[in-house]
Amino acid sequence: MFDAISPTYDLANRLLSFGFDASWRRRCIRALGVAPNQHVLDCAAGTGDMAATVCRKVSDIELTLLDPSDKMLKLARTKLSSFSQAQRHFVKGGAEALPFPSESFHRIMVAFGIRNFKQLDKGLAELFRVTKRGGRGAILEFTPDRKSLFQPFFRFYFSHIIQKAGAMISGDARAYTYLKTSIRDFPTSDKLCERLTRIGWNVKSCKKLTGGIVSLFVLEKI
C-alpha cells in the first residue's frame, strides 16, 4: 500500500494537513533535542521528512532511516542527498524486529508510524531496546482522543474529506480508508502512555498539538 502511494505521499500530507505537518515535525525535533555527533533512528521513516527536518537543524549527525517500503526509502534517499553534513543509512525492515544491537541510538523518532506496527507493544519494546541509557525518543501520532471542541470537525473531516481527497490525489482509496480506521481503532493517548511505561519508557510529556489533532510523546530511557 505504501509503495503504491509513495509518489504522491508528500503532496497529500501537505494538502490534507493544510501544511501543519511541517510544523508538527519541527516541534517534535525540538522536543527530541538532537545534538551533533549523535546517532538517530528514524523508524517508519517514509519519504524522509523527519530526517530532513533534523538535517536542517543539526549538522554532523548520523541518521539511520528504517522503513518496510522500498519506494518510500528510495524517495528518502533522494530527499536527503543534498545534506552532505549527515552520515546516512537506509534500512528496509519493520519495527518489531529491529536489525540493530541494543543501545545503538542516542535518539529515536517515529512520525505517524506506530499505528502501522503489526505488533504495537513489540515495536515499542524494540525501540526501547535499541535506545542508549539516557537517550530520548519522540513519537508523533494521530490518537482518537482530542479536545471536545475539535472532535466533531475532526470526525467529519476524516470521514468525508480526507478519504475522498486522498483517493483523488493518490489514486488509491484503500490507503485513506485505512488511515481513518487505523486512527479510530488506535489506543488513546492515556492508554498509549500506560503501555509505554510498562515497557520501561519514562514518558516525560504528552502534548496535544493543533487542538489535539496530533499527540506528541517525549520519552526517556533512564
C-alpha atoms as a PDB file:
ATOM      1  CA  MET A   1       0.000   0.000   0.000  1.00  0.00           C
ATOM      2  CA  PHE A   2       2.751   2.467   0.922  1.00  0.00           C
ATOM      3  CA  ASP A   3       4.727   1.591  -2.202  1.00  0.00           C
ATOM      4  CA  ALA A   4       1.619   2.430  -4.223  1.00  0.00           C
ATOM      5  CA  ILE A   5       1.024   5.873  -2.675  1.00  0.00           C
ATOM      6  CA  SER A   6       4.704   6.867  -2.375  1.00  0.00           C
ATOM      7  CA  PRO A   7       4.785   9.185  -5.457  1.00  0.00           C
ATOM      8  CA  THR A   8       2.018  11.409  -4.041  1.00  0.00           C
ATOM      9  CA  TYR A   9       2.644  10.856  -0.324  1.00  0.00           C
ATOM     10  CA  ASP A  10       4.347  14.190   0.430  1.00  0.00           C
ATOM     11  CA  LEU A  11       1.849  16.200  -1.614  1.00  0.00           C
ATOM     12  CA  ALA A  12      -1.097  14.530   0.104  1.00  0.00           C
ATOM     13  CA  ASN A  13       0.402  15.181   3.542  1.00  0.00           C
ATOM     14  CA  ARG A  14       0.857  18.878   2.822  1.00  0.00           C
ATOM     15  CA  LEU A  15      -2.569  19.411   1.308  1.00  0.00           C
ATOM     16  CA  LEU A  16      -4.605  17.295   3.711  1.00  0.00           C
ATOM     17  CA  SER A  17      -2.922  18.758   6.821  1.00  0.00           C
ATOM     18  CA  PHE A  18      -3.098  22.330   5.432  1.00  0.00           C
ATOM     19  CA  GLY A  19       0.687  22.448   5.849  1.00  0.00           C
ATOM     20  CA  PHE A  20       0.583  21.805   9.600  1.00  0.00           C
ATOM     21  CA  ASP A  21       2.544  18.559   9.219  1.00  0.00           C
ATOM     22  CA  ALA A  22       5.790  20.515   8.722  1.00  0.00           C
ATOM     23  CA  SER A  23       5.283  22.470  11.952  1.00  0.00           C
ATOM     24  CA  TRP A  24       4.440  19.258  13.839  1.00  0.00           C
ATOM     25  CA  ARG A  25       7.725  17.740  12.728  1.00  0.00           C
ATOM     26  CA  ARG A  26       9.716  20.814  13.730  1.00  0.00           C
ATOM     27  CA  ARG A  27       8.063  20.762  17.152  1.00  0.00           C
ATOM     28  CA  CYS A  28       8.925  17.089  17.509  1.00  0.00           C
ATOM     29  CA  ILE A  29      12.597  17.643  16.632  1.00  0.00           C
ATOM     30  CA  ARG A  30      12.884  20.490  19.132  1.00  0.00           C
ATOM     31  CA  ALA A  31      11.480  18.241  21.851  1.00  0.00           C
ATOM     32  CA  LEU A  32      13.831  15.427  20.864  1.00  0.00           C
ATOM     33  CA  GLY A  33      16.878  17.612  21.479  1.00  0.00           C
ATOM     34  CA  VAL A  34      19.179  16.199  18.804  1.00  0.00           C
ATOM     35  CA  ALA A  35      22.811  17.285  19.151  1.00  0.00           C
ATOM     36  CA  PRO A  36      25.855  16.979  16.848  1.00  0.00           C
ATOM     37  CA  ASN A  37      27.637  13.616  16.737  1.00  0.00           C
ATOM     38  CA  GLN A  38      24.569  11.708  17.893  1.00  0.00           C
ATOM     39  CA  HIS A  39      23.180   8.631  16.124  1.00  0.00           C
ATOM     40  CA  VAL A  40      19.461   8.993  15.402  1.00  0.00           C
ATOM     41  CA  LEU A  41      16.996   6.305  14.316  1.00  0.00           C
ATOM     42  CA  ASP A  42      14.048   7.422  12.193  1.00  0.00           C
ATOM     43  CA  CYS A  43      11.703   4.428  12.419  1.00  0.00           C
ATOM     44  CA  ALA A  44       8.919   4.145   9.834  1.00  0.00           C
ATOM     45  CA  ALA A  45      10.844   6.886   8.066  1.00  0.00           C
ATOM     46  CA  GLY A  46       8.653   7.041   4.974  1.00  0.00           C
ATOM     47  CA  THR A  47       9.976   9.574   2.463  1.00  0.00           C
ATOM     48  CA  GLY A  48      12.418  11.053   4.969  1.00  0.00           C
ATOM     49  CA  ASP A  49      10.592  14.206   6.058  1.00  0.00           C
ATOM     50  CA  MET A  50      11.587  13.782   9.717  1.00  0.00           C
ATOM     51  CA  ALA A  51      15.200  13.058   8.823  1.00  0.00           C
ATOM     52  CA  ALA A  52      15.333  16.095   6.543  1.00  0.00           C
ATOM     53  CA  THR A  53      13.937  18.248   9.359  1.00  0.00           C
ATOM     54  CA  VAL A  54      16.740  17.024  11.635  1.00  0.00           C
ATOM     55  CA  CYS A  55      19.375  17.778   8.980  1.00  0.00           C
ATOM     56  CA  ARG A  56      18.132  21.347   8.614  1.00  0.00           C
ATOM     57  CA  LYS A  57      18.523  21.889  12.353  1.00  0.00           C
ATOM     58  CA  VAL A  58      21.645  19.926  13.336  1.00  0.00           C
ATOM     59  CA  SER A  59      24.849  19.207  11.453  1.00  0.00           C
ATOM     60  CA  ASP A  60      27.347  16.371  11.877  1.00  0.00           C
ATOM     61  CA  ILE A  61      24.913  13.645  12.871  1.00  0.00           C
ATOM     62  CA  GLU A  62      24.464  10.017  11.908  1.00  0.00           C
ATOM     63  CA  LEU A  63      20.998   9.066  10.687  1.00  0.00           C
ATOM     64  CA  THR A  64      19.528   5.614  10.182  1.00  0.00           C
ATOM     65  CA  LEU A  65      16.226   5.519   8.312  1.00  0.00           C
ATOM     66  CA  LEU A  66      14.197   2.313   8.571  1.00  0.00           C
ATOM     67  CA  ASP A  67      11.017   1.556   6.641  1.00  0.00           C
ATOM     68  CA  PRO A  68       9.361  -1.548   5.150  1.00  0.00           C
ATOM     69  CA  SER A  69       8.642   0.219   1.837  1.00  0.00           C
ATOM     70  CA  ASP A  70      11.375   0.160  -0.821  1.00  0.00           C
ATOM     71  CA  LYS A  71       9.798   3.000  -2.766  1.00  0.00           C
ATOM     72  CA  MET A  72       9.474   5.238   0.298  1.00  0.00           C
ATOM     73  CA  LEU A  73      13.147   4.675   1.109  1.00  0.00           C
ATOM     74  CA  LYS A  74      14.127   5.455  -2.482  1.00  0.00           C
ATOM     75  CA  LEU A  75      12.386   8.836  -2.199  1.00  0.00           C
ATOM     76  CA  ALA A  76      14.074   9.409   1.172  1.00  0.00           C
ATOM     77  CA  ARG A  77      17.493   8.803  -0.391  1.00  0.00           C
ATOM     78  CA  THR A  78      16.791  11.476  -2.998  1.00  0.00           C
ATOM     79  CA  LYS A  79      15.435  13.927  -0.429  1.00  0.00           C
ATOM     80  CA  LEU A  80      18.469  13.591   1.850  1.00  0.00           C
ATOM     81  CA  SER A  81      21.099  13.606  -0.888  1.00  0.00           C
ATOM     82  CA  SER A  82      21.625  17.370  -0.525  1.00  0.00           C
ATOM     83  CA  PHE A  83      22.510  17.140   3.182  1.00  0.00           C
ATOM     84  CA  SER A  84      26.192  16.293   2.908  1.00  0.00           C
ATOM     85  CA  GLN A  85      26.848  17.018   6.606  1.00  0.00           C
ATOM     86  CA  ALA A  86      24.925  13.936   7.764  1.00  0.00           C
ATOM     87  CA  GLN A  87      26.014  10.310   7.601  1.00  0.00           C
ATOM     88  CA  ARG A  88      23.018   8.330   6.352  1.00  0.00           C
ATOM     89  CA  HIS A  89      21.959   4.691   6.345  1.00  0.00           C
ATOM     90  CA  PHE A  90      18.807   3.313   4.713  1.00  0.00           C
ATOM     91  CA  VAL A  91      17.458   0.012   6.025  1.00  0.00           C
ATOM     92  CA  LYS A  92      14.414  -1.935   4.872  1.00  0.00           C
ATOM     93  CA  GLY A  93      12.655  -3.504   7.826  1.00  0.00           C
ATOM     94  CA  GLY A  94       9.924  -3.367  10.431  1.00  0.00           C
ATOM     95  CA  ALA A  95       9.879  -2.101  13.982  1.00  0.00           C
ATOM     96  CA  GLU A  96       9.024  -5.469  15.511  1.00  0.00           C
ATOM     97  CA  ALA A  97      12.492  -6.910  14.743  1.00  0.00           C
ATOM     98  CA  LEU A  98      14.948  -4.024  14.514  1.00  0.00           C
ATOM     99  CA  PRO A  99      18.233  -5.223  12.965  1.00  0.00           C
ATOM    100  CA  PHE A 100      20.417  -3.232  15.358  1.00  0.00           C
ATOM    101  CA  PRO A 101      22.347  -4.077  18.547  1.00  0.00           C
ATOM    102  CA  SER A 102      20.899  -2.983  21.882  1.00  0.00           C
ATOM    103  CA  GLU A 103      21.657   0.606  22.920  1.00  0.00           C
ATOM    104  CA  SER A 104      22.709   1.730  19.427  1.00  0.00           C
ATOM    105  CA  PHE A 105      20.998   5.129  19.248  1.00  0.00           C
ATOM    106  CA  HIS A 106      21.096   8.373  21.208  1.00  0.00           C
ATOM    107  CA  ARG A 107      17.700   9.394  19.832  1.00  0.00           C
ATOM    108  CA  ILE A 108      14.781   7.583  18.205  1.00  0.00           C
ATOM    109  CA  MET A 109      11.793   9.146  16.435  1.00  0.00           C
ATOM    110  CA  VAL A 110       8.605   7.900  14.809  1.00  0.00           C
ATOM    111  CA  ALA A 111       6.270  10.246  12.952  1.00  0.00           C
ATOM    112  CA  PHE A 112       2.828   8.835  12.125  1.00  0.00           C
ATOM    113  CA  GLY A 113       4.191   5.309  12.045  1.00  0.00           C
ATOM    114  CA  ILE A 114       3.340   3.449  15.226  1.00  0.00           C
ATOM    115  CA  ARG A 115      -0.271   2.980  14.056  1.00  0.00           C
ATOM    116  CA  ASN A 116       1.196   0.795  11.326  1.00  0.00           C
ATOM    117  CA  PHE A 117       3.145  -1.521  13.637  1.00  0.00           C
ATOM    118  CA  LYS A 118       1.747  -5.031  13.251  1.00  0.00           C
ATOM    119  CA  GLN A 119       2.516  -5.666  16.935  1.00  0.00           C
ATOM    120  CA  LEU A 120       2.446  -2.339  18.760  1.00  0.00           C
ATOM    121  CA  ASP A 121       3.948  -3.413  22.097  1.00  0.00           C
ATOM    122  CA  LYS A 122       6.696  -5.420  20.427  1.00  0.00           C
ATOM    123  CA  GLY A 123       7.642  -2.480  18.206  1.00  0.00           C
ATOM    124  CA  LEU A 124       7.713  -0.047  21.137  1.00  0.00           C
ATOM    125  CA  ALA A 125       9.817  -2.519  23.133  1.00  0.00           C
ATOM    126  CA  GLU A 126      12.268  -2.862  20.255  1.00  0.00           C
ATOM    127  CA  LEU A 127      12.638   0.915  20.107  1.00  0.00           C
ATOM    128  CA  PHE A 128      13.351   0.893  23.850  1.00  0.00           C
ATOM    129  CA  ARG A 129      15.949  -1.858  23.402  1.00  0.00           C
ATOM    130  CA  VAL A 130      17.987  -0.042  20.750  1.00  0.00           C
ATOM    131  CA  THR A 131      17.978   3.311  22.610  1.00  0.00           C
ATOM    132  CA  LYS A 132      21.003   4.093  24.779  1.00  0.00           C
ATOM    133  CA  ARG A 133      20.592   4.625  28.515  1.00  0.00           C
ATOM    134  CA  GLY A 134      19.946   8.325  28.984  1.00  0.00           C
ATOM    135  CA  GLY A 135      18.655   8.511  25.413  1.00  0.00           C
ATOM    136  CA  ARG A 136      15.412  10.048  24.305  1.00  0.00           C
ATOM    137  CA  GLY A 137      12.574   9.255  21.950  1.00  0.00           C
ATOM    138  CA  ALA A 138       9.785  11.253  20.319  1.00  0.00           C
ATOM    139  CA  ILE A 139       6.584   9.952  18.759  1.00  0.00           C
ATOM    140  CA  LEU A 140       4.126  11.954  16.674  1.00  0.00           C
ATOM    141  CA  GLU A 141       0.796  10.261  16.125  1.00  0.00           C
ATOM    142  CA  PHE A 142      -2.898  10.724  15.496  1.00  0.00           C
ATOM    143  CA  THR A 143      -4.755   9.391  18.523  1.00  0.00           C
ATOM    144  CA  PRO A 144      -8.541   9.033  18.738  1.00  0.00           C
ATOM    145  CA  ASP A 145      -8.897  11.401  21.726  1.00  0.00           C
ATOM    146  CA  ARG A 146      -8.835  15.165  21.322  1.00  0.00           C
ATOM    147  CA  LYS A 147     -10.448  18.283  22.702  1.00  0.00           C
ATOM    148  CA  SER A 148     -14.217  18.035  22.508  1.00  0.00           C
ATOM    149  CA  LEU A 149     -14.405  21.343  20.627  1.00  0.00           C
ATOM    150  CA  PHE A 150     -12.482  19.821  17.708  1.00  0.00           C
ATOM    151  CA  GLN A 151     -13.883  16.310  17.832  1.00  0.00           C
ATOM    152  CA  PRO A 152     -16.919  16.861  15.535  1.00  0.00           C
ATOM    153  CA  PHE A 153     -14.813  18.701  12.947  1.00  0.00           C
ATOM    154  CA  PHE A 154     -12.090  16.079  13.092  1.00  0.00           C
ATOM    155  CA  ARG A 155     -14.559  13.220  12.699  1.00  0.00           C
ATOM    156  CA  PHE A 156     -16.295  14.900   9.743  1.00  0.00           C
ATOM    157  CA  TYR A 157     -13.007  15.805   8.055  1.00  0.00           C
ATOM    158  CA  PHE A 158     -11.587  12.295   8.308  1.00  0.00           C
ATOM    159  CA  SER A 159     -14.849  10.567   7.375  1.00  0.00           C
ATOM    160  CA  HIS A 160     -15.891  12.744   4.440  1.00  0.00           C
ATOM    161  CA  ILE A 161     -12.970  14.858   3.216  1.00  0.00           C
ATOM    162  CA  ILE A 162      -9.701  13.006   3.686  1.00  0.00           C
ATOM    163  CA  GLN A 163     -10.936   9.738   2.201  1.00  0.00           C
ATOM    164  CA  LYS A 164     -12.192  11.383  -0.990  1.00  0.00           C
ATOM    165  CA  ALA A 165      -9.371  13.925  -1.330  1.00  0.00           C
ATOM    166  CA  GLY A 166      -6.692  11.370  -0.536  1.00  0.00           C
ATOM    167  CA  ALA A 167      -8.117   8.989  -3.109  1.00  0.00           C
ATOM    168  CA  MET A 168      -8.163  11.746  -5.741  1.00  0.00           C
ATOM    169  CA  ILE A 169      -4.557  12.788  -5.049  1.00  0.00           C
ATOM    170  CA  SER A 170      -3.077   9.295  -4.767  1.00  0.00           C
ATOM    171  CA  GLY A 171      -5.427   7.225  -6.905  1.00  0.00           C
ATOM    172  CA  ASP A 172      -5.641   4.752  -4.005  1.00  0.00           C
ATOM    173  CA  ALA A 173      -8.845   4.985  -1.956  1.00  0.00           C
ATOM    174  CA  ARG A 174      -7.825   1.971   0.137  1.00  0.00           C
ATOM    175  CA  ALA A 175      -4.924   3.832   1.776  1.00  0.00           C
ATOM    176  CA  TYR A 176      -7.073   6.676   3.072  1.00  0.00           C
ATOM    177  CA  THR A 177      -9.828   4.356   4.255  1.00  0.00           C
ATOM    178  CA  TYR A 178      -7.097   2.595   6.199  1.00  0.00           C
ATOM    179  CA  LEU A 179      -5.927   5.943   7.632  1.00  0.00           C
ATOM    180  CA  LYS A 180      -9.367   6.662   9.093  1.00  0.00           C
ATOM    181  CA  THR A 181      -9.892   3.210  10.577  1.00  0.00           C
ATOM    182  CA  SER A 182      -6.350   2.966  11.976  1.00  0.00           C
ATOM    183  CA  ILE A 183      -6.853   6.212  13.913  1.00  0.00           C
ATOM    184  CA  ARG A 184     -10.308   5.189  15.122  1.00  0.00           C
ATOM    185  CA  ASP A 185      -9.036   1.843  16.431  1.00  0.00           C
ATOM    186  CA  PHE A 186      -5.781   3.139  17.950  1.00  0.00           C
ATOM    187  CA  PRO A 187      -5.284   3.482  21.745  1.00  0.00           C
ATOM    188  CA  THR A 188      -5.997   6.846  23.330  1.00  0.00           C
ATOM    189  CA  SER A 189      -3.005   8.924  24.403  1.00  0.00           C
ATOM    190  CA  ASP A 190      -3.519   7.910  28.055  1.00  0.00           C
ATOM    191  CA  LYS A 191      -3.637   4.217  27.155  1.00  0.00           C
ATOM    192  CA  LEU A 192      -0.572   4.573  24.964  1.00  0.00           C
ATOM    193  CA  CYS A 193       1.319   6.271  27.811  1.00  0.00           C
ATOM    194  CA  GLU A 194       0.430   3.329  30.057  1.00  0.00           C
ATOM    195  CA  ARG A 195       1.795   0.857  27.514  1.00  0.00           C
ATOM    196  CA  LEU A 196       4.983   2.860  27.036  1.00  0.00           C
ATOM    197  CA  THR A 197       5.521   2.973  30.802  1.00  0.00           C
ATOM    198  CA  ARG A 198       5.009  -0.787  31.150  1.00  0.00           C
ATOM    199  CA  ILE A 199       7.686  -1.357  28.520  1.00  0.00           C
ATOM    200  CA  GLY A 200      10.150   0.752  30.512  1.00  0.00           C
ATOM    201  CA  TRP A 201       9.965   4.189  28.933  1.00  0.00           C
ATOM    202  CA  ASN A 202       9.759   7.255  31.133  1.00  0.00           C
ATOM    203  CA  VAL A 203       7.073   9.385  29.475  1.00  0.00           C
ATOM    204  CA  LYS A 204       8.372  12.904  30.024  1.00  0.00           C
ATOM    205  CA  SER A 205       5.389  14.557  28.360  1.00  0.00           C
ATOM    206  CA  CYS A 206       2.377  14.011  26.152  1.00  0.00           C
ATOM    207  CA  LYS A 207       1.227  17.169  24.404  1.00  0.00           C
ATOM    208  CA  LYS A 208      -1.693  17.819  22.107  1.00  0.00           C
ATOM    209  CA  LEU A 209      -0.856  19.907  19.050  1.00  0.00           C
ATOM    210  CA  THR A 210      -3.234  21.970  16.911  1.00  0.00           C
ATOM    211  CA  GLY A 211      -6.271  21.461  19.075  1.00  0.00           C
ATOM    212  CA  GLY A 212      -5.454  17.827  19.762  1.00  0.00           C
ATOM    213  CA  ILE A 213      -5.291  16.680  16.153  1.00  0.00           C
ATOM    214  CA  VAL A 214      -1.831  15.241  16.843  1.00  0.00           C
ATOM    215  CA  SER A 215      -0.227  13.896  20.018  1.00  0.00           C
ATOM    216  CA  LEU A 216       3.488  14.381  20.710  1.00  0.00           C
ATOM    217  CA  PHE A 217       5.035  11.910  23.162  1.00  0.00           C
ATOM    218  CA  VAL A 218       8.511  12.661  24.531  1.00  0.00           C
ATOM    219  CA  LEU A 219      10.198   9.634  26.058  1.00  0.00           C
ATOM    220  CA  GLU A 220      13.341   8.905  28.033  1.00  0.00           C
ATOM    221  CA  LYS A 221      15.260   5.712  28.727  1.00  0.00           C
ATOM    222  CA  ILE A 222      16.586   6.024  32.272  1.00  0.00           C
END
